[in-house]
Structure formats: structure tokens, C-alpha cells
Amino acid sequence: MQCQLLKVTKILDPLLSKFQSLSLLFIRLILAYGFYEPAMNKWSDIGAVASWFESMGLPLPTLQAYMAASTEITGVVLLTLGLFTRLISIPLMVVMVVAVVTVHLPNGFSSGDNGFEIPLYYFLMLFVLVAHGAGKISVDAFINTKA
């Protein structure tokens, strides 16, 4: 039985690895889509976001509101293009950690209870992009082939 599984694995591994760049593209697009609405909501009333941040006791709430909104909207553009993917993923991971610690952690895990489930998934997907890059279907790959 074990030998048969090894044979199947040897056949499937090269075939399935061809989907790596497509899976990285899907991760980038899903993350960009997920960050779009929160970024636009922040930009539509940045003052309210700053007030909300202040009510949570965050230092420099206006600056943090602008930083979070700027990071998210920049992330939307860069993740969609697959440009500077590893670089933008790091500050987006920081945004997710701050979101978990300041908003979601007290609510537990479940996204239905506004828990940290979704930010955790975003963090993990961003970590995959930090580790693997944007993949072949990206501006990053195009630039790297020209350099």
C-alpha cells in the first residue's frame, strides 16, 4: 500500500506543482478583494476611523488611520498587479496583527462573532506570499525576467 502511494505521489507532484503560480494569483486576488472594501470605508470617513482608533486607546489615532487606509489601498493595487508582492505583504500582515489584537481577539475565533478567524486567514495567506512571492503570473515575475 505504501509503495503504491509513493508511486502516485511521484506522478502527481510534478503535475500539481504546475498550479503553484495560479494558486498564488488566486491568493493575491482574493486578498486584494478582501482589503478593498475596508480600505474604501476607511478613506470615505477617515475622521471616524481616527475617532474609533482613539476610543480604543491607540496612540496617534489619526496617523494610524491614515497608515492603515494607505497600506490597505496600496495593498489592493500591488497585490492585484503582483508588484512588490513580498514587500507589501509585510505591512499588511502588521495591519492584520493590529486588527486581531485591538478588535477581534476578545471575540474568540469565529468570524460569525467578529472573531479573529478572517484576519488570521489573511495573515496566513500573506505569509505564503512573503515566502513564495507573487508567482509567474505577476508583474514581479515580468520584471525579474527583464532584470
N, C-alpha and C. Protein backbone atom coordinates (compact mmCIF):
# COMPACT_ATOMS: atom_id res chain seq x y z
N MET A 1 0.83 -1.20 0.00
CA MET A 1 0.00 0.00 0.00
C MET A 1 0.86 1.26 0.00
N GLN A 2 1.89 1.27 0.86
CA GLN A 2 2.76 2.44 0.97
C GLN A 2 3.51 2.67 -0.34
N CYS A 3 3.95 1.61 -1.01
CA CYS A 3 4.66 1.75 -2.29
C CYS A 3 3.74 2.32 -3.35
N GLN A 4 2.49 1.92 -3.35
CA GLN A 4 1.53 2.44 -4.32
C GLN A 4 1.30 3.93 -4.10
N LEU A 5 1.21 4.34 -2.84
CA LEU A 5 1.03 5.76 -2.54
C LEU A 5 2.24 6.57 -2.98
N LEU A 6 3.43 6.02 -2.79
CA LEU A 6 4.64 6.71 -3.24
C LEU A 6 4.66 6.86 -4.76
N LYS A 7 4.21 5.84 -5.47
CA LYS A 7 4.15 5.91 -6.93
C LYS A 7 3.16 6.98 -7.38
N VAL A 8 2.01 7.02 -6.74
CA VAL A 8 1.00 8.04 -7.07
C VAL A 8 1.54 9.43 -6.78
N THR A 9 2.22 9.56 -5.66
CA THR A 9 2.80 10.85 -5.29
C THR A 9 3.84 11.29 -6.32
N LYS A 10 4.67 10.38 -6.78
CA LYS A 10 5.69 10.71 -7.78
C LYS A 10 5.06 11.18 -9.09
N ILE A 11 3.91 10.66 -9.40
CA ILE A 11 3.21 11.05 -10.63
C ILE A 11 2.51 12.40 -10.42
N LEU A 12 1.83 12.55 -9.29
CA LEU A 12 1.02 13.75 -9.05
C LEU A 12 1.83 15.00 -8.71
N ASP A 13 2.92 14.85 -7.98
CA ASP A 13 3.69 16.01 -7.55
C ASP A 13 4.09 16.94 -8.70
N PRO A 14 4.72 16.44 -9.75
CA PRO A 14 5.10 17.35 -10.84
C PRO A 14 3.88 17.97 -11.53
N LEU A 15 2.82 17.21 -11.64
CA LEU A 15 1.60 17.72 -12.27
C LEU A 15 0.97 18.82 -11.43
N LEU A 16 0.81 18.58 -10.15
CA LEU A 16 0.17 19.55 -9.27
C LEU A 16 1.03 20.78 -9.03
N SER A 17 2.35 20.65 -9.09
CA SER A 17 3.21 21.81 -8.89
C SER A 17 3.05 22.84 -10.00
N LYS A 18 2.50 22.45 -11.12
CA LYS A 18 2.24 23.39 -12.22
C LYS A 18 1.16 24.41 -11.84
N PHE A 19 0.39 24.12 -10.80
CA PHE A 19 -0.65 25.02 -10.34
C PHE A 19 -0.17 26.05 -9.32
N GLN A 20 1.12 26.04 -8.99
CA GLN A 20 1.63 26.93 -7.96
C GLN A 20 1.38 28.40 -8.30
N SER A 21 1.74 28.82 -9.50
CA SER A 21 1.57 30.24 -9.85
C SER A 21 0.09 30.63 -9.91
N LEU A 22 -0.74 29.73 -10.37
CA LEU A 22 -2.17 30.01 -10.42
C LEU A 22 -2.74 30.15 -9.01
N SER A 23 -2.29 29.30 -8.11
CA SER A 23 -2.78 29.40 -6.73
C SER A 23 -2.30 30.70 -6.08
N LEU A 24 -1.07 31.13 -6.36
CA LEU A 24 -0.57 32.40 -5.83
C LEU A 24 -1.35 33.58 -6.41
N LEU A 25 -1.70 33.50 -7.68
CA LEU A 25 -2.54 34.53 -8.29
C LEU A 25 -3.89 34.60 -7.58
N PHE A 26 -4.51 33.46 -7.36
CA PHE A 26 -5.81 33.44 -6.68
C PHE A 26 -5.71 34.02 -5.27
N ILE A 27 -4.65 33.66 -4.55
CA ILE A 27 -4.47 34.21 -3.20
C ILE A 27 -4.35 35.73 -3.27
N ARG A 28 -3.53 36.23 -4.21
CA ARG A 28 -3.36 37.68 -4.34
C ARG A 28 -4.68 38.37 -4.64
N LEU A 29 -5.45 37.82 -5.57
CA LEU A 29 -6.71 38.46 -5.97
C LEU A 29 -7.76 38.41 -4.86
N ILE A 30 -7.83 37.31 -4.14
CA ILE A 30 -8.77 37.20 -3.03
C ILE A 30 -8.40 38.19 -1.93
N LEU A 31 -7.12 38.30 -1.62
CA LEU A 31 -6.68 39.26 -0.61
C LEU A 31 -6.97 40.69 -1.06
N ALA A 32 -6.68 41.00 -2.31
CA ALA A 32 -6.94 42.35 -2.81
C ALA A 32 -8.43 42.67 -2.71
N TYR A 33 -9.25 41.73 -3.09
CA TYR A 33 -10.70 41.92 -2.98
C TYR A 33 -11.12 42.11 -1.52
N GLY A 34 -10.53 41.33 -0.63
CA GLY A 34 -10.87 41.41 0.79
C GLY A 34 -10.43 42.72 1.43
N PHE A 35 -9.34 43.30 0.97
CA PHE A 35 -8.87 44.56 1.54
C PHE A 35 -9.56 45.78 0.90
N TYR A 36 -10.18 45.60 -0.26
CA TYR A 36 -10.73 46.74 -0.98
C TYR A 36 -11.81 47.49 -0.19
N GLU A 37 -12.83 46.78 0.23
CA GLU A 37 -13.94 47.44 0.93
C GLU A 37 -13.50 48.09 2.25
N PRO A 38 -12.74 47.39 3.10
CA PRO A 38 -12.28 48.06 4.32
C PRO A 38 -11.44 49.31 4.02
N ALA A 39 -10.60 49.25 3.00
CA ALA A 39 -9.79 50.42 2.64
C ALA A 39 -10.68 51.57 2.20
N MET A 40 -11.65 51.28 1.36
CA MET A 40 -12.54 52.34 0.86
C MET A 40 -13.39 52.90 1.98
N ASN A 41 -13.83 52.05 2.89
CA ASN A 41 -14.60 52.53 4.05
C ASN A 41 -13.76 53.46 4.92
N LYS A 42 -12.51 53.10 5.12
CA LYS A 42 -11.63 53.97 5.91
C LYS A 42 -11.45 55.33 5.21
N TRP A 43 -11.20 55.30 3.91
CA TRP A 43 -10.97 56.55 3.18
C TRP A 43 -12.24 57.40 3.07
N SER A 44 -13.41 56.77 3.09
CA SER A 44 -14.65 57.54 2.96
C SER A 44 -14.93 58.38 4.19
N ASP A 45 -14.40 57.99 5.36
CA ASP A 45 -14.57 58.78 6.57
C ASP A 45 -13.40 58.54 7.51
N ILE A 46 -12.25 59.05 7.11
CA ILE A 46 -11.02 58.82 7.86
C ILE A 46 -11.11 59.40 9.27
N GLY A 47 -11.89 60.47 9.43
CA GLY A 47 -12.07 61.07 10.75
C GLY A 47 -12.77 60.13 11.71
N ALA A 48 -13.77 59.42 11.22
CA ALA A 48 -14.48 58.45 12.05
C ALA A 48 -13.56 57.30 12.44
N VAL A 49 -12.72 56.89 11.51
CA VAL A 49 -11.76 55.82 11.80
C VAL A 49 -10.78 56.28 12.88
N ALA A 50 -10.29 57.51 12.74
CA ALA A 50 -9.38 58.06 13.75
C ALA A 50 -10.05 58.13 15.12
N SER A 51 -11.32 58.55 15.14
CA SER A 51 -12.07 58.60 16.41
C SER A 51 -12.24 57.21 17.01
N TRP A 52 -12.53 56.23 16.16
CA TRP A 52 -12.68 54.85 16.61
C TRP A 52 -11.35 54.35 17.18
N PHE A 53 -10.24 54.62 16.47
CA PHE A 53 -8.93 54.22 16.96
C PHE A 53 -8.63 54.89 18.30
N GLU A 54 -8.99 56.16 18.43
CA GLU A 54 -8.77 56.88 19.68
C GLU A 54 -9.58 56.25 20.81
N SER A 55 -10.83 55.85 20.52
CA SER A 55 -11.68 55.24 21.55
C SER A 55 -11.11 53.91 22.04
N MET A 56 -10.29 53.26 21.22
CA MET A 56 -9.65 52.01 21.64
C MET A 56 -8.32 52.27 22.35
N GLY A 57 -7.96 53.54 22.45
CA GLY A 57 -6.73 53.88 23.16
C GLY A 57 -5.47 53.75 22.33
N LEU A 58 -5.62 53.69 21.00
CA LEU A 58 -4.43 53.61 20.15
C LEU A 58 -3.71 54.95 20.12
N PRO A 59 -2.39 54.94 20.22
CA PRO A 59 -1.65 56.20 20.15
C PRO A 59 -1.67 56.77 18.73
N LEU A 60 -1.62 58.08 18.61
CA LEU A 60 -1.62 58.77 17.32
C LEU A 60 -2.71 58.21 16.39
N PRO A 61 -3.97 58.28 16.82
CA PRO A 61 -5.04 57.62 16.08
C PRO A 61 -5.23 58.13 14.65
N THR A 62 -5.05 59.43 14.43
CA THR A 62 -5.22 59.95 13.07
C THR A 62 -4.12 59.43 12.16
N LEU A 63 -2.90 59.46 12.64
CA LEU A 63 -1.79 58.92 11.85
C LEU A 63 -2.01 57.44 11.57
N GLN A 64 -2.43 56.69 12.57
CA GLN A 64 -2.66 55.26 12.38
C GLN A 64 -3.80 54.99 11.41
N ALA A 65 -4.84 55.84 11.44
CA ALA A 65 -5.95 55.67 10.49
C ALA A 65 -5.45 55.86 9.06
N TYR A 66 -4.66 56.91 8.85
CA TYR A 66 -4.10 57.14 7.52
C TYR A 66 -3.15 56.03 7.10
N MET A 67 -2.35 55.55 8.04
CA MET A 67 -1.41 54.47 7.72
C MET A 67 -2.15 53.18 7.36
N ALA A 68 -3.17 52.84 8.12
CA ALA A 68 -3.93 51.62 7.84
C ALA A 68 -4.64 51.73 6.49
N ALA A 69 -5.30 52.85 6.26
CA ALA A 69 -6.03 53.05 4.99
C ALA A 69 -5.07 53.06 3.81
N SER A 70 -3.93 53.72 3.96
CA SER A 70 -2.94 53.78 2.88
C SER A 70 -2.34 52.40 2.60
N THR A 71 -2.02 51.68 3.66
CA THR A 71 -1.46 50.34 3.48
C THR A 71 -2.45 49.43 2.78
N GLU A 72 -3.71 49.48 3.20
CA GLU A 72 -4.72 48.60 2.60
C GLU A 72 -4.97 48.94 1.13
N ILE A 73 -5.12 50.21 0.79
CA ILE A 73 -5.41 50.54 -0.62
C ILE A 73 -4.19 50.29 -1.50
N THR A 74 -3.00 50.55 -0.96
CA THR A 74 -1.78 50.22 -1.70
C THR A 74 -1.69 48.71 -1.91
N GLY A 75 -2.05 47.97 -0.88
CA GLY A 75 -2.07 46.51 -0.97
C GLY A 75 -3.02 46.02 -2.05
N VAL A 76 -4.18 46.64 -2.15
CA VAL A 76 -5.15 46.25 -3.18
C VAL A 76 -4.52 46.36 -4.57
N VAL A 77 -3.89 47.49 -4.83
CA VAL A 77 -3.30 47.73 -6.15
C VAL A 77 -2.12 46.79 -6.40
N LEU A 78 -1.19 46.74 -5.44
CA LEU A 78 0.02 45.95 -5.65
C LEU A 78 -0.25 44.44 -5.69
N LEU A 79 -1.15 43.96 -4.85
CA LEU A 79 -1.48 42.53 -4.88
C LEU A 79 -2.18 42.16 -6.19
N THR A 80 -3.05 43.02 -6.66
CA THR A 80 -3.74 42.76 -7.92
C THR A 80 -2.74 42.63 -9.07
N LEU A 81 -1.78 43.53 -9.09
CA LEU A 81 -0.77 43.51 -10.15
C LEU A 81 0.30 42.45 -9.92
N GLY A 82 0.47 42.05 -8.69
CA GLY A 82 1.59 41.17 -8.38
C GLY A 82 2.89 41.95 -8.43
N LEU A 83 2.86 43.17 -7.94
CA LEU A 83 4.01 44.07 -7.96
C LEU A 83 4.48 44.32 -6.53
N PHE A 84 5.76 44.12 -6.28
CA PHE A 84 6.33 44.27 -4.93
C PHE A 84 5.53 43.46 -3.90
N THR A 85 5.14 42.28 -4.31
CA THR A 85 4.23 41.44 -3.52
C THR A 85 4.79 41.12 -2.14
N ARG A 86 6.03 40.70 -2.10
CA ARG A 86 6.62 40.36 -0.79
C ARG A 86 6.69 41.59 0.10
N LEU A 87 7.04 42.73 -0.48
CA LEU A 87 7.19 43.94 0.32
C LEU A 87 5.87 44.42 0.90
N ILE A 88 4.82 44.46 0.10
CA ILE A 88 3.53 44.96 0.60
C ILE A 88 2.88 43.97 1.55
N SER A 89 3.20 42.70 1.41
CA SER A 89 2.60 41.69 2.29
C SER A 89 3.01 41.88 3.74
N ILE A 90 4.21 42.37 3.98
CA ILE A 90 4.68 42.53 5.36
C ILE A 90 3.87 43.59 6.12
N PRO A 91 3.71 44.83 5.59
CA PRO A 91 2.88 45.78 6.34
C PRO A 91 1.41 45.35 6.43
N LEU A 92 0.92 44.63 5.42
CA LEU A 92 -0.45 44.12 5.52
C LEU A 92 -0.57 43.09 6.63
N MET A 93 0.48 42.30 6.84
CA MET A 93 0.49 41.36 7.97
C MET A 93 0.45 42.12 9.29
N VAL A 94 1.16 43.22 9.36
CA VAL A 94 1.14 44.05 10.58
C VAL A 94 -0.27 44.59 10.82
N VAL A 95 -0.94 45.05 9.76
CA VAL A 95 -2.32 45.53 9.88
C VAL A 95 -3.21 44.42 10.43
N MET A 96 -3.01 43.19 9.98
CA MET A 96 -3.82 42.07 10.46
C MET A 96 -3.54 41.77 11.93
N VAL A 97 -2.28 41.84 12.34
CA VAL A 97 -1.95 41.61 13.75
C VAL A 97 -2.60 42.67 14.62
N VAL A 98 -2.51 43.93 14.20
CA VAL A 98 -3.13 45.02 14.96
C VAL A 98 -4.65 44.81 15.03
N ALA A 99 -5.26 44.42 13.91
CA ALA A 99 -6.71 44.18 13.89
C ALA A 99 -7.09 43.07 14.86
N VAL A 100 -6.31 42.00 14.87
CA VAL A 100 -6.61 40.88 15.78
C VAL A 100 -6.49 41.33 17.22
N VAL A 101 -5.39 41.99 17.56
CA VAL A 101 -5.13 42.36 18.95
C VAL A 101 -6.12 43.42 19.45
N THR A 102 -6.44 44.40 18.60
CA THR A 102 -7.27 45.51 19.07
C THR A 102 -8.77 45.28 18.94
N VAL A 103 -9.19 44.45 17.98
CA VAL A 103 -10.62 44.32 17.71
C VAL A 103 -11.13 42.89 17.88
N HIS A 104 -10.47 41.93 17.26
CA HIS A 104 -11.07 40.60 17.09
C HIS A 104 -10.77 39.60 18.20
N LEU A 105 -9.65 39.68 18.85
CA LEU A 105 -9.24 38.67 19.83
C LEU A 105 -10.24 38.47 20.97
N PRO A 106 -10.79 39.54 21.55
CA PRO A 106 -11.74 39.34 22.64
C PRO A 106 -13.01 38.59 22.21
N ASN A 107 -13.27 38.53 20.91
CA ASN A 107 -14.49 37.89 20.41
C ASN A 107 -14.29 36.41 20.09
N GLY A 108 -13.10 35.89 20.35
CA GLY A 108 -12.84 34.49 20.07
C GLY A 108 -12.47 34.25 18.62
N PHE A 109 -12.55 33.01 18.19
CA PHE A 109 -12.09 32.61 16.87
C PHE A 109 -13.09 32.87 15.75
N SER A 110 -14.35 32.55 15.96
CA SER A 110 -15.36 32.51 14.91
C SER A 110 -15.60 33.86 14.24
N SER A 111 -15.58 33.85 12.92
CA SER A 111 -15.86 35.09 12.18
C SER A 111 -17.30 35.54 12.38
N GLY A 112 -18.20 34.61 12.66
CA GLY A 112 -19.59 34.94 12.92
C GLY A 112 -19.78 35.78 14.16
N ASP A 113 -18.81 35.72 15.06
CA ASP A 113 -18.84 36.52 16.28
C ASP A 113 -17.85 37.68 16.22
N ASN A 114 -17.42 38.05 15.00
CA ASN A 114 -16.39 39.08 14.78
C ASN A 114 -15.08 38.69 15.44
N GLY A 115 -14.80 37.39 15.42
CA GLY A 115 -13.56 36.87 15.98
C GLY A 115 -12.39 37.04 15.02
N PHE A 116 -11.29 36.42 15.36
CA PHE A 116 -10.05 36.64 14.60
C PHE A 116 -9.85 35.66 13.44
N GLU A 117 -10.85 34.87 13.11
CA GLU A 117 -10.72 33.86 12.06
C GLU A 117 -10.29 34.46 10.72
N ILE A 118 -11.00 35.44 10.20
CA ILE A 118 -10.69 36.01 8.88
C ILE A 118 -9.35 36.73 8.88
N PRO A 119 -9.06 37.61 9.86
CA PRO A 119 -7.73 38.22 9.86
C PRO A 119 -6.60 37.19 9.96
N LEU A 120 -6.84 36.10 10.66
CA LEU A 120 -5.84 35.04 10.74
C LEU A 120 -5.62 34.42 9.37
N TYR A 121 -6.70 34.12 8.66
CA TYR A 121 -6.58 33.55 7.31
C TYR A 121 -5.84 34.52 6.39
N TYR A 122 -6.17 35.80 6.47
CA TYR A 122 -5.47 36.80 5.66
C TYR A 122 -3.98 36.81 6.01
N PHE A 123 -3.68 36.79 7.30
CA PHE A 123 -2.29 36.78 7.74
C PHE A 123 -1.55 35.58 7.15
N LEU A 124 -2.17 34.41 7.21
CA LEU A 124 -1.53 33.20 6.69
C LEU A 124 -1.35 33.26 5.18
N MET A 125 -2.33 33.78 4.46
CA MET A 125 -2.19 33.92 3.01
C MET A 125 -1.08 34.92 2.68
N LEU A 126 -1.01 36.01 3.43
CA LEU A 126 0.06 36.98 3.22
C LEU A 126 1.43 36.35 3.52
N PHE A 127 1.48 35.51 4.53
CA PHE A 127 2.72 34.81 4.85
C PHE A 127 3.16 33.91 3.69
N VAL A 128 2.21 33.25 3.05
CA VAL A 128 2.52 32.44 1.87
C VAL A 128 3.13 33.32 0.78
N LEU A 129 2.57 34.52 0.59
CA LEU A 129 3.12 35.42 -0.43
C LEU A 129 4.51 35.92 -0.05
N VAL A 130 4.75 36.17 1.23
CA VAL A 130 6.09 36.57 1.67
C VAL A 130 7.08 35.44 1.37
N ALA A 131 6.68 34.21 1.65
CA ALA A 131 7.57 33.06 1.48
C ALA A 131 7.77 32.68 0.02
N HIS A 132 6.72 32.78 -0.80
CA HIS A 132 6.79 32.27 -2.18
C HIS A 132 6.81 33.36 -3.25
N GLY A 133 6.48 34.58 -2.88
CA GLY A 133 6.40 35.63 -3.89
C GLY A 133 5.09 35.57 -4.64
N ALA A 134 5.00 36.36 -5.71
CA ALA A 134 3.75 36.52 -6.45
C ALA A 134 3.48 35.40 -7.45
N GLY A 135 4.49 34.65 -7.80
CA GLY A 135 4.33 33.61 -8.80
C GLY A 135 4.60 34.14 -10.19
N LYS A 136 4.49 33.25 -11.18
CA LYS A 136 4.83 33.59 -12.56
C LYS A 136 3.82 34.52 -13.23
N ILE A 137 2.60 34.55 -12.70
CA ILE A 137 1.56 35.39 -13.29
C ILE A 137 1.52 36.70 -12.51
N SER A 138 2.54 37.54 -12.73
CA SER A 138 2.66 38.77 -11.96
C SER A 138 3.62 39.74 -12.65
N VAL A 139 3.49 41.00 -12.28
CA VAL A 139 4.45 42.00 -12.74
C VAL A 139 5.82 41.71 -12.13
N ASP A 140 5.86 41.24 -10.90
CA ASP A 140 7.14 40.89 -10.27
C ASP A 140 7.91 39.90 -11.15
N ALA A 141 7.24 38.86 -11.64
CA ALA A 141 7.90 37.86 -12.48
C ALA A 141 8.38 38.48 -13.79
N PHE A 142 7.56 39.36 -14.36
CA PHE A 142 7.94 40.04 -15.60
C PHE A 142 9.19 40.90 -15.40
N ILE A 143 9.21 41.64 -14.31
CA ILE A 143 10.37 42.49 -14.00
C ILE A 143 11.61 41.63 -13.77
N ASN A 144 11.45 40.55 -13.04
CA ASN A 144 12.60 39.68 -12.74
C ASN A 144 13.17 39.00 -13.98
N THR A 145 12.34 38.74 -14.98
CA THR A 145 12.87 38.15 -16.22
C THR A 145 13.59 39.20 -17.05
N LYS A 146 13.23 40.46 -16.91
CA LYS A 146 13.87 41.55 -17.65
C LYS A 146 15.16 42.02 -16.99
N ALA A 147 15.27 41.77 -15.68
CA ALA A 147 16.44 42.29 -14.94
C ALA A 147 17.66 41.43 -15.14
